[in-house]
Amino acid sequence: MQHFPIFLSTQGTRIVLSGGGGAALAKLRLLLKTKAQIEVFASDPAQDIVDWAAAGQLMLTRRTLQAGDVVGATLFYAADEDDTEDNRTATIARAEGALVNVVDNLQASAFITPAIVDRDPVTVAIGTEGTAPVLARAIKADLEERLPATLGTLARIGKGFRNMAEALPFGRPRRDFWRAYFFDAGPRAVSAGQDAVETALEDLLAQHLARDTRPGHVAFVGAGPGDPELLTLKARKALDEADVVIHDGLVSPAILELARREAVMVHVGKRGFAQSTPQNDINAVIVEHASQSAQVVRLKGGDPTVFARLDEETEACDAAGIDWHVVPGITAASAAAAAIGQSLTQRNRNSGLRVLTGHDVDGFADHDWRDLATPGQVAAIYMGKKAARFIQGRLMMFGADPRTPVSVVANASLPDQSVIASRLDRLNHDLSAASLTGPALILYGLKPHTAHAISASLKEEGVL
């Protein structure tokens, strides 16, 4: 983040602008919405600037900017649309202590002005580090359509009611009250006028003051394979409401960023053959927070019902009398199959799918290898990267065809996703040569659909 977004108080401040043409007009139309004292220096100002000055909306000096003109100003805009003049005035402004913006010159600017959606006092600022103004305008247009014109009215009325709302306990009770106001009671009342909205606020506050403390609850949420765009809408809603997010090591940072900033984040990573948080400790953390009336999201990579110890954690909740529900997510097998462009089941090939783990609490996991070794079987093997030699040996010992295709997908759905196209007798060799980082899933019996995923060596051998 090269530019840190802030909202600057303009009440009682002074903003100076040099320029009188189109660039100056564009900035002034926005600046005139603030509470600042606006001063413009221009030898030949546009008529709009003259009219604004006549109406007392800004101060106009009909000459070029000189030393001493920017002293005491908070912000300065160089908008003369001439590189030499902009450089001259910006140099004066920097020397006199103002933050400088040179219009259409990112490198020379100490700050940039974002695209803004104005629902005063609700303001949405959109920035692209100055690299994509067209994109910023497109986002602005989309938000303009989505945010109702009445939003500002609701916010202004709500601001005056804030002291009364402090009668509610801090935290979730207040958030629940304001959520109900902005998204339910307020919008329904606003069409009838300010008095109706204020009455709705008073009634709503009375209802919330009479409520019992909301009991703690746990949502076991599937974070999917890593791509935040693959989260379900229900998962996003749960993250938005969570007081506490207890997450494992497979949840990507991009998904954790979607949680409320005020939420308590608790990492309880669990990795095979590596240091892990004991399951009993995880159970205790979940119960501890939920017992304190927190709305807890237990965020698990993939789907909570697939190799995620869901039963043990729900049993701990049951034993503590804590209510819970499950929000499913896209499991790694589905993401890996999408990565290689194949179906996990296919008519006339396999009518069933094995979902296996490469290791369990006792080490490498054993399965019905004899049945899996029969032709046409397909299996999605989780946590199989370090167990690859064991899996390969067991299957071949029970007669599996050495040429059975095997695909390995690492970091499925993420930007650094990688695919290895192999076969059973080369599985361990190809995995070792690839030196994969991150979680990987083995798709036994499937080969990639796309030619670019096939290694040159296997093409030469005519395997795939």
Protein backbone atom coordinates (compact mmCIF):
# COMPACT_ATOMS: atom_id res chain seq x y z
CA MET A 1 0.00 0.00 0.00
CA GLN A 2 1.88 3.03 -1.26
CA HIS A 3 -0.85 5.53 -0.29
CA PHE A 4 -2.43 5.20 3.13
CA PRO A 5 -6.14 6.16 3.01
CA ILE A 6 -7.30 8.64 5.65
CA PHE A 7 -10.21 11.05 6.02
CA LEU A 8 -8.79 14.50 6.75
CA SER A 9 -10.80 16.96 8.84
CA THR A 10 -11.20 20.15 6.78
CA GLN A 11 -13.12 22.23 9.31
CA GLY A 12 -11.19 25.50 9.77
CA THR A 13 -8.36 24.49 7.42
CA ARG A 14 -7.04 26.32 4.38
CA ILE A 15 -6.63 24.68 0.94
CA VAL A 16 -4.79 26.52 -1.82
CA LEU A 17 -5.04 25.79 -5.54
CA SER A 18 -3.03 27.23 -8.40
CA GLY A 19 -4.72 27.14 -11.79
CA GLY A 20 -7.87 28.29 -13.52
CA GLY A 21 -8.61 25.77 -16.27
CA GLY A 22 -10.29 22.38 -16.60
CA ALA A 23 -8.03 20.57 -14.14
CA ALA A 24 -8.67 23.25 -11.53
CA LEU A 25 -12.43 23.06 -12.06
CA ALA A 26 -12.45 19.29 -11.58
CA LYS A 27 -10.67 19.57 -8.23
CA LEU A 28 -12.69 22.55 -7.04
CA ARG A 29 -16.05 20.86 -7.63
CA LEU A 30 -14.97 18.30 -5.05
CA LEU A 31 -13.16 20.67 -2.67
CA LEU A 32 -16.17 22.98 -2.45
CA LYS A 33 -18.07 20.18 -0.70
CA THR A 34 -15.68 20.45 2.26
CA LYS A 35 -15.68 22.88 5.19
CA ALA A 36 -12.25 24.28 4.26
CA GLN A 37 -11.39 27.83 3.21
CA ILE A 38 -10.54 27.51 -0.48
CA GLU A 39 -8.12 29.97 -2.11
CA VAL A 40 -7.42 30.00 -5.85
CA PHE A 41 -4.55 31.77 -7.63
CA ALA A 42 -5.11 32.15 -11.40
CA SER A 43 -4.33 34.89 -13.93
CA ASP A 44 -7.15 33.81 -16.24
CA PRO A 45 -9.73 31.86 -14.24
CA ALA A 46 -12.66 30.02 -15.81
CA GLN A 47 -16.06 31.67 -15.44
CA ASP A 48 -17.23 29.05 -12.92
CA ILE A 49 -14.35 30.00 -10.62
CA VAL A 50 -15.25 33.68 -10.96
CA ASP A 51 -18.87 32.88 -10.13
CA TRP A 52 -17.93 30.79 -7.08
CA ALA A 53 -15.76 33.65 -5.83
CA ALA A 54 -18.62 36.13 -6.34
CA ALA A 55 -20.90 33.84 -4.34
CA GLY A 56 -18.39 33.72 -1.48
CA GLN A 57 -17.67 30.01 -1.92
CA LEU A 58 -13.93 30.57 -2.41
CA MET A 59 -11.32 33.34 -2.49
CA LEU A 60 -9.87 34.22 -5.90
CA THR A 61 -6.61 36.07 -6.51
CA ARG A 62 -6.12 37.00 -10.18
CA ARG A 63 -2.38 36.41 -10.48
CA THR A 64 0.10 33.56 -10.40
CA LEU A 65 1.04 32.01 -7.10
CA GLN A 66 4.00 33.61 -5.31
CA ALA A 67 6.16 32.82 -2.28
CA GLY A 68 4.20 33.31 0.94
CA ASP A 69 0.80 32.47 -0.60
CA VAL A 70 0.71 28.92 0.81
CA VAL A 71 1.87 29.64 4.36
CA GLY A 72 -0.58 28.07 6.82
CA ALA A 73 -2.33 25.91 4.19
CA THR A 74 -2.95 22.23 4.89
CA LEU A 75 -3.20 21.10 1.26
CA PHE A 76 -2.01 22.52 -2.04
CA TYR A 77 -3.07 21.60 -5.57
CA ALA A 78 -0.87 22.46 -8.55
CA ALA A 79 -3.41 22.53 -11.41
CA ASP A 80 -1.95 24.88 -14.02
CA GLU A 81 -1.65 22.05 -16.57
CA ASP A 82 1.88 23.19 -17.38
CA ASP A 83 4.82 21.13 -16.10
CA THR A 84 7.11 24.09 -15.53
CA GLU A 85 4.52 26.16 -13.68
CA ASP A 86 3.27 23.18 -11.69
CA ASN A 87 6.83 22.40 -10.60
CA ARG A 88 7.38 26.04 -9.58
CA THR A 89 4.24 26.34 -7.48
CA ALA A 90 4.68 22.87 -5.94
CA THR A 91 8.19 23.84 -4.84
CA ILE A 92 6.82 26.95 -3.12
CA ALA A 93 4.06 24.95 -1.40
CA ARG A 94 6.43 22.25 -0.11
CA ALA A 95 8.76 24.90 1.29
CA GLU A 96 5.80 26.51 3.08
CA GLY A 97 4.68 23.29 4.76
CA ALA A 98 1.67 22.11 2.75
CA LEU A 99 0.98 18.62 1.46
CA VAL A 100 1.20 18.85 -2.33
CA ASN A 101 -0.83 17.28 -5.10
CA VAL A 102 0.32 17.93 -8.66
CA VAL A 103 -2.58 17.07 -10.93
CA ASP A 104 -1.83 14.06 -13.17
CA ASN A 105 1.67 13.70 -11.73
CA LEU A 106 1.74 10.84 -9.24
CA GLN A 107 5.49 10.95 -8.62
CA ALA A 108 5.47 14.64 -7.67
CA SER A 109 2.45 14.31 -5.35
CA ALA A 110 2.53 13.68 -1.61
CA PHE A 111 -1.13 12.64 -1.72
CA ILE A 112 -3.77 11.75 -4.28
CA THR A 113 -7.47 12.57 -4.36
CA PRO A 114 -9.59 9.41 -4.63
CA ALA A 115 -12.80 8.90 -6.57
CA ILE A 116 -15.58 9.61 -4.10
CA VAL A 117 -19.15 8.42 -3.62
CA ASP A 118 -20.84 11.14 -1.59
CA ARG A 119 -23.76 10.30 0.69
CA ASP A 120 -22.82 12.97 3.22
CA PRO A 121 -21.92 12.16 5.95
CA VAL A 122 -21.28 8.71 4.47
CA THR A 123 -18.33 8.95 2.10
CA VAL A 124 -16.76 6.12 0.12
CA ALA A 125 -13.28 6.80 -1.23
CA ILE A 126 -11.84 4.67 -4.04
CA GLY A 127 -8.13 4.67 -4.81
CA THR A 128 -6.00 2.78 -7.32
CA GLU A 129 -2.61 4.31 -6.38
CA GLY A 130 -3.15 6.66 -9.31
CA THR A 131 -2.59 3.84 -11.80
CA ALA A 132 -6.13 3.14 -13.03
CA PRO A 133 -8.48 6.15 -12.82
CA VAL A 134 -10.83 4.53 -15.34
CA LEU A 135 -11.23 1.56 -13.00
CA ALA A 136 -11.82 3.87 -10.03
CA ARG A 137 -14.57 5.66 -11.93
CA ALA A 138 -16.18 2.35 -12.87
CA ILE A 139 -16.23 1.26 -9.22
CA LYS A 140 -17.64 4.65 -8.25
CA ALA A 141 -20.45 4.31 -10.80
CA ASP A 142 -21.29 0.84 -9.49
CA LEU A 143 -21.42 2.06 -5.89
CA GLU A 144 -23.49 5.10 -6.85
CA GLU A 145 -26.16 2.71 -8.12
CA ARG A 146 -25.98 0.43 -5.08
CA LEU A 147 -26.05 3.00 -2.27
CA PRO A 148 -29.48 4.60 -1.80
CA ALA A 149 -29.75 8.38 -1.79
CA THR A 150 -31.38 8.17 1.65
CA LEU A 151 -28.25 6.71 3.22
CA GLY A 152 -26.91 10.14 4.17
CA THR A 153 -30.20 11.07 5.83
CA LEU A 154 -30.15 7.89 7.91
CA ALA A 155 -26.55 8.54 8.95
CA ARG A 156 -27.22 12.15 9.96
CA ILE A 157 -30.23 11.20 12.09
CA GLY A 158 -28.35 8.27 13.57
CA LYS A 159 -25.40 10.49 14.50
CA GLY A 160 -27.66 12.64 16.66
CA PHE A 161 -28.96 9.50 18.36
CA ARG A 162 -25.54 8.03 19.15
CA ASN A 163 -25.39 9.22 22.77
CA MET A 164 -28.73 7.57 23.54
CA ALA A 165 -27.54 4.33 21.97
CA GLU A 166 -24.67 4.24 24.48
CA ALA A 167 -27.24 2.90 26.96
CA LEU A 168 -26.61 -0.43 25.22
CA PRO A 169 -23.54 -2.45 26.29
CA PHE A 170 -20.46 -1.85 24.14
CA GLY A 171 -19.76 -4.36 21.40
CA ARG A 172 -22.25 -6.71 19.77
CA PRO A 173 -25.42 -5.26 21.41
CA ARG A 174 -24.67 -1.86 19.88
CA ARG A 175 -23.66 -3.37 16.53
CA ASP A 176 -26.90 -5.36 16.40
CA PHE A 177 -28.87 -2.20 17.13
CA TRP A 178 -27.19 -0.13 14.42
CA ARG A 179 -27.38 -2.99 11.93
CA ALA A 180 -31.15 -3.20 12.52
CA TYR A 181 -31.45 0.58 12.13
CA PHE A 182 -29.47 1.00 8.91
CA PHE A 183 -30.73 -2.11 7.14
CA ASP A 184 -34.27 -2.56 8.42
CA ALA A 185 -36.08 -0.05 10.64
CA GLY A 186 -34.44 3.09 9.23
CA PRO A 187 -35.02 2.43 5.50
CA ARG A 188 -38.63 1.47 6.19
CA ALA A 189 -39.26 4.73 8.08
CA VAL A 190 -37.25 7.23 6.02
CA SER A 191 -39.88 7.78 3.34
CA ALA A 192 -42.24 9.15 6.02
CA GLY A 193 -39.78 11.88 7.09
CA GLN A 194 -37.30 12.62 9.85
CA ASP A 195 -39.86 12.40 12.67
CA ALA A 196 -40.78 8.88 11.60
CA VAL A 197 -37.12 7.85 11.55
CA GLU A 198 -36.50 9.26 15.03
CA THR A 199 -39.58 7.45 16.34
CA ALA A 200 -38.34 4.23 14.74
CA LEU A 201 -34.96 4.71 16.44
CA GLU A 202 -36.57 5.19 19.85
CA ASP A 203 -38.76 2.10 19.42
CA LEU A 204 -35.81 0.06 18.20
CA LEU A 205 -33.65 1.12 21.13
CA ALA A 206 -36.38 0.13 23.58
CA GLN A 207 -36.59 -3.30 21.95
CA HIS A 208 -32.84 -3.84 22.14
CA LEU A 209 -32.59 -2.64 25.74
CA ALA A 210 -35.26 -5.20 26.68
CA ARG A 211 -33.39 -8.05 24.97
CA ASP A 212 -31.55 -10.71 26.87
CA THR A 213 -27.82 -10.97 26.15
CA ARG A 214 -27.38 -12.83 22.91
CA PRO A 215 -25.92 -16.28 23.68
CA GLY A 216 -22.62 -17.36 22.20
CA HIS A 217 -22.73 -19.28 18.97
CA VAL A 218 -20.21 -21.10 16.79
CA ALA A 219 -20.32 -21.18 13.00
CA PHE A 220 -18.09 -23.85 11.50
CA VAL A 221 -17.28 -22.18 8.21
CA GLY A 222 -15.57 -23.59 5.15
CA ALA A 223 -13.01 -21.11 3.78
CA GLY A 224 -12.69 -23.04 0.52
CA PRO A 225 -9.37 -23.80 -1.18
CA GLY A 226 -7.94 -20.30 -0.78
CA ASP A 227 -9.34 -18.00 -3.45
CA PRO A 228 -11.54 -15.48 -1.62
CA GLU A 229 -13.88 -15.32 -4.62
CA LEU A 230 -14.79 -18.96 -3.96
CA LEU A 231 -16.23 -18.15 -0.53
CA THR A 232 -19.97 -18.62 -0.27
CA LEU A 233 -22.22 -15.65 0.51
CA LYS A 234 -23.13 -17.35 3.78
CA ALA A 235 -19.45 -17.61 4.73
CA ARG A 236 -18.94 -13.91 3.99
CA LYS A 237 -21.91 -13.03 6.18
CA ALA A 238 -20.58 -15.15 9.05
CA LEU A 239 -17.17 -13.43 8.85
CA ASP A 240 -18.85 -10.04 8.84
CA GLU A 241 -20.72 -10.85 12.06
CA ALA A 242 -17.94 -12.68 13.93
CA ASP A 243 -16.55 -11.42 17.24
CA VAL A 244 -13.87 -14.12 17.17
CA VAL A 245 -12.34 -15.97 14.21
CA ILE A 246 -10.50 -19.18 15.08
CA HIS A 247 -8.69 -20.28 11.94
CA ASP A 248 -6.31 -22.96 10.78
CA GLY A 249 -3.08 -22.54 8.84
CA LEU A 250 -4.64 -23.30 5.46
CA VAL A 251 -6.84 -20.20 5.40
CA SER A 252 -5.31 -17.63 3.05
CA PRO A 253 -4.49 -14.10 4.28
CA ALA A 254 -6.84 -12.68 1.62
CA ILE A 255 -9.76 -14.48 3.28
CA LEU A 256 -8.75 -13.43 6.79
CA GLU A 257 -8.80 -9.83 5.56
CA LEU A 258 -12.56 -10.18 5.00
CA ALA A 259 -13.26 -10.54 8.71
CA ARG A 260 -14.31 -7.50 10.72
CA ARG A 261 -11.26 -5.49 11.71
CA GLU A 262 -12.41 -5.55 15.35
CA ALA A 263 -12.69 -9.35 15.41
CA VAL A 264 -10.26 -11.28 17.60
CA MET A 265 -8.14 -13.53 15.36
CA VAL A 266 -6.92 -16.82 16.86
CA HIS A 267 -4.54 -19.04 14.89
CA VAL A 268 -4.79 -22.76 15.69
CA GLY A 269 -2.72 -24.28 12.89
CA LYS A 270 -2.64 -28.01 12.48
CA ARG A 271 -0.20 -29.55 9.98
CA GLY A 272 0.82 -33.15 9.42
CA PHE A 273 4.41 -33.99 10.42
CA ALA A 274 4.83 -30.47 11.83
CA GLN A 275 4.17 -28.53 15.02
CA SER A 276 0.41 -28.32 15.52
CA THR A 277 -2.11 -27.03 18.02
CA PRO A 278 -3.48 -30.02 19.96
CA GLN A 279 -7.12 -30.71 19.20
CA ASN A 280 -8.12 -30.50 22.87
CA ASP A 281 -6.65 -26.99 22.99
CA ILE A 282 -8.64 -25.99 19.90
CA ASN A 283 -11.83 -27.35 21.45
CA ALA A 284 -11.13 -25.41 24.65
CA VAL A 285 -10.54 -22.12 22.76
CA ILE A 286 -13.80 -22.49 20.86
CA VAL A 287 -15.78 -23.19 24.03
CA GLU A 288 -14.03 -20.43 26.00
CA HIS A 289 -14.97 -17.67 23.54
CA ALA A 290 -18.49 -18.91 22.84
CA SER A 291 -19.14 -19.22 26.60
CA GLN A 292 -18.46 -15.47 26.86
CA SER A 293 -21.38 -14.73 24.49
CA ALA A 294 -19.08 -14.27 21.49
CA GLN A 295 -20.23 -15.05 17.98
CA VAL A 296 -17.43 -17.38 16.93
CA VAL A 297 -16.41 -18.43 13.44
CA ARG A 298 -14.31 -21.58 13.38
CA LEU A 299 -12.78 -21.04 9.94
CA LYS A 300 -11.43 -24.13 8.23
CA GLY A 301 -9.65 -24.45 4.90
CA GLY A 302 -11.78 -26.27 2.33
CA ASP A 303 -14.97 -27.79 3.71
CA PRO A 304 -15.51 -28.32 7.47
CA THR A 305 -16.91 -31.82 6.88
CA VAL A 306 -13.85 -33.16 5.03
CA PHE A 307 -10.82 -34.13 7.17
CA ALA A 308 -11.37 -31.17 9.47
CA ARG A 309 -12.12 -32.71 12.91
CA LEU A 310 -15.62 -31.24 12.78
CA ASP A 311 -17.20 -33.98 14.92
CA GLU A 312 -14.73 -33.49 17.76
CA GLU A 313 -15.34 -29.74 17.85
CA THR A 314 -19.13 -29.95 17.64
CA GLU A 315 -19.11 -32.56 20.41
CA ALA A 316 -17.16 -30.10 22.58
CA CYS A 317 -19.79 -27.46 21.86
CA ASP A 318 -22.60 -29.87 22.68
CA ALA A 319 -20.96 -30.79 25.97
CA ALA A 320 -20.74 -27.09 26.89
CA GLY A 321 -24.33 -26.37 25.80
CA ILE A 322 -23.23 -24.07 22.97
CA ASP A 323 -25.31 -23.76 19.82
CA TRP A 324 -23.60 -24.15 16.44
CA HIS A 325 -24.17 -24.54 12.71
CA VAL A 326 -22.09 -25.53 9.70
CA VAL A 327 -21.43 -23.45 6.59
CA PRO A 328 -20.01 -25.74 3.87
CA GLY A 329 -17.17 -24.66 1.63
CA ILE A 330 -15.58 -25.79 -1.62
CA THR A 331 -13.30 -28.68 -0.78
CA ALA A 332 -9.80 -29.09 -2.22
CA ALA A 333 -10.86 -32.06 -4.37
CA SER A 334 -13.30 -29.90 -6.31
CA ALA A 335 -10.75 -27.10 -6.73
CA ALA A 336 -8.07 -29.54 -7.86
CA ALA A 337 -10.42 -31.17 -10.37
CA ALA A 338 -11.24 -27.72 -11.73
CA ALA A 339 -7.52 -26.98 -12.02
CA ILE A 340 -6.96 -29.98 -14.30
CA GLY A 341 -10.24 -29.51 -16.17
CA GLN A 342 -11.65 -32.93 -15.29
CA SER A 343 -14.73 -34.38 -13.61
CA LEU A 344 -14.31 -36.37 -10.43
CA THR A 345 -16.89 -38.82 -11.76
CA GLN A 346 -17.59 -39.76 -15.36
CA ARG A 347 -20.11 -42.04 -17.00
CA ASN A 348 -18.54 -45.30 -18.23
CA ARG A 349 -15.35 -44.55 -16.28
CA ASN A 350 -16.06 -44.29 -12.57
CA SER A 351 -19.42 -44.08 -10.84
CA GLY A 352 -17.77 -43.55 -7.46
CA LEU A 353 -15.08 -41.39 -5.92
CA ARG A 354 -12.80 -42.24 -3.01
CA VAL A 355 -11.93 -39.38 -0.69
CA LEU A 356 -8.89 -40.46 1.31
CA THR A 357 -6.25 -39.04 3.61
CA GLY A 358 -2.56 -39.76 3.15
CA HIS A 359 -1.92 -39.88 6.87
CA ASP A 360 -3.84 -39.98 10.14
CA VAL A 361 -2.98 -39.64 13.82
CA ASP A 362 -0.93 -42.85 13.69
CA GLY A 363 1.13 -41.93 10.62
CA PHE A 364 0.58 -43.00 7.01
CA ALA A 365 -3.06 -44.02 6.62
CA ASP A 366 -3.97 -47.52 5.42
CA HIS A 367 -6.90 -48.16 3.10
CA ASP A 368 -8.42 -50.90 0.96
CA TRP A 369 -5.54 -50.77 -1.52
CA ARG A 370 -6.58 -53.99 -3.26
CA ASP A 371 -9.94 -52.52 -4.30
CA LEU A 372 -8.44 -49.13 -5.19
CA ALA A 373 -5.87 -50.86 -7.39
CA THR A 374 -8.55 -52.24 -9.74
CA PRO A 375 -8.81 -50.45 -13.12
CA GLY A 376 -10.99 -47.35 -13.45
CA GLN A 377 -10.83 -46.21 -9.82
CA VAL A 378 -10.56 -42.52 -8.98
CA ALA A 379 -9.46 -41.13 -5.63
CA ALA A 380 -8.84 -37.69 -4.18
CA ILE A 381 -6.03 -38.09 -1.66
CA TYR A 382 -5.65 -35.28 0.86
CA MET A 383 -2.43 -34.72 2.79
CA GLY A 384 -0.68 -37.20 0.53
CA LYS A 385 2.46 -35.30 -0.48
CA LYS A 386 4.75 -36.82 2.14
CA ALA A 387 2.96 -40.17 1.91
CA ALA A 388 3.43 -40.42 -1.87
CA ARG A 389 6.03 -43.23 -1.76
CA PHE A 390 3.88 -45.21 0.69
CA ILE A 391 0.74 -44.76 -1.46
CA GLN A 392 2.64 -45.66 -4.62
CA GLY A 393 4.11 -48.81 -3.02
CA ARG A 394 0.82 -50.05 -1.60
CA LEU A 395 -1.09 -49.62 -4.86
CA MET A 396 1.57 -51.30 -6.99
CA MET A 397 1.92 -54.12 -4.45
CA PHE A 398 -1.78 -54.89 -4.94
CA GLY A 399 -1.52 -54.88 -8.72
CA ALA A 400 -2.34 -51.35 -9.82
CA ASP A 401 -1.22 -50.52 -13.37
CA PRO A 402 2.07 -48.57 -13.08
CA ARG A 403 0.88 -46.38 -15.96
CA THR A 404 -2.26 -45.22 -14.09
CA PRO A 405 -2.44 -41.43 -14.50
CA VAL A 406 -1.97 -39.34 -11.40
CA SER A 407 -2.32 -35.55 -11.12
CA VAL A 408 -0.98 -33.51 -8.24
CA VAL A 409 -2.36 -30.02 -7.67
CA ALA A 410 -0.62 -27.72 -5.20
CA ASN A 411 -2.19 -24.52 -3.84
CA ALA A 412 -5.37 -25.16 -5.81
CA SER A 413 -7.24 -21.97 -6.83
CA LEU A 414 -4.43 -19.63 -5.67
CA PRO A 415 -2.21 -17.51 -7.94
CA ASP A 416 0.74 -19.86 -7.30
CA GLN A 417 -1.27 -22.97 -8.17
CA SER A 418 0.81 -25.66 -9.86
CA VAL A 419 -0.11 -28.95 -11.54
CA ILE A 420 2.04 -32.04 -11.99
CA ALA A 421 0.93 -34.63 -14.52
CA SER A 422 2.45 -37.96 -13.58
CA ARG A 423 1.66 -41.64 -13.41
CA LEU A 424 1.72 -44.11 -10.54
CA ASP A 425 5.23 -45.49 -11.06
CA ARG A 426 6.69 -41.97 -11.33
CA LEU A 427 4.63 -40.28 -8.63
CA ASN A 428 7.25 -40.06 -5.88
CA HIS A 429 10.02 -39.14 -8.34
CA ASP A 430 8.00 -36.36 -9.98
CA LEU A 431 6.87 -34.97 -6.62
CA SER A 432 10.44 -34.88 -5.32
CA ALA A 433 11.68 -33.18 -8.50
CA ALA A 434 8.95 -30.55 -8.33
CA SER A 435 9.76 -29.47 -4.74
CA LEU A 436 6.19 -28.27 -4.23
CA THR A 437 5.43 -25.81 -1.45
CA GLY A 438 2.04 -25.50 0.19
CA PRO A 439 -0.75 -28.05 0.48
CA ALA A 440 -1.16 -30.50 -2.39
CA LEU A 441 -3.91 -32.91 -3.37
CA ILE A 442 -3.33 -36.12 -5.34
CA LEU A 443 -5.94 -37.10 -7.92
CA TYR A 444 -5.37 -40.80 -8.57
CA GLY A 445 -6.78 -42.03 -11.87
CA LEU A 446 -7.10 -38.59 -13.50
CA LYS A 447 -4.87 -36.75 -15.95
CA PRO A 448 -5.02 -33.04 -16.80
CA HIS A 449 -7.25 -32.04 -19.65
CA THR A 450 -5.06 -29.17 -20.80
CA ALA A 451 -1.91 -29.89 -22.77
CA HIS A 452 0.17 -27.22 -21.02
CA ALA A 453 -0.05 -29.12 -17.74
CA ILE A 454 1.68 -32.20 -19.17
CA SER A 455 5.39 -32.42 -18.56
CA ALA A 456 7.64 -32.72 -21.58
CA SER A 457 9.22 -35.93 -20.30
CA LEU A 458 5.91 -37.72 -20.03
CA LYS A 459 4.91 -36.49 -23.52
CA GLU A 460 8.09 -37.96 -24.92
CA GLU A 461 7.38 -41.27 -23.27
CA GLY A 462 3.87 -41.30 -24.72
CA VAL A 463 2.32 -41.85 -21.29
CA LEU A 464 -0.25 -39.04 -21.50
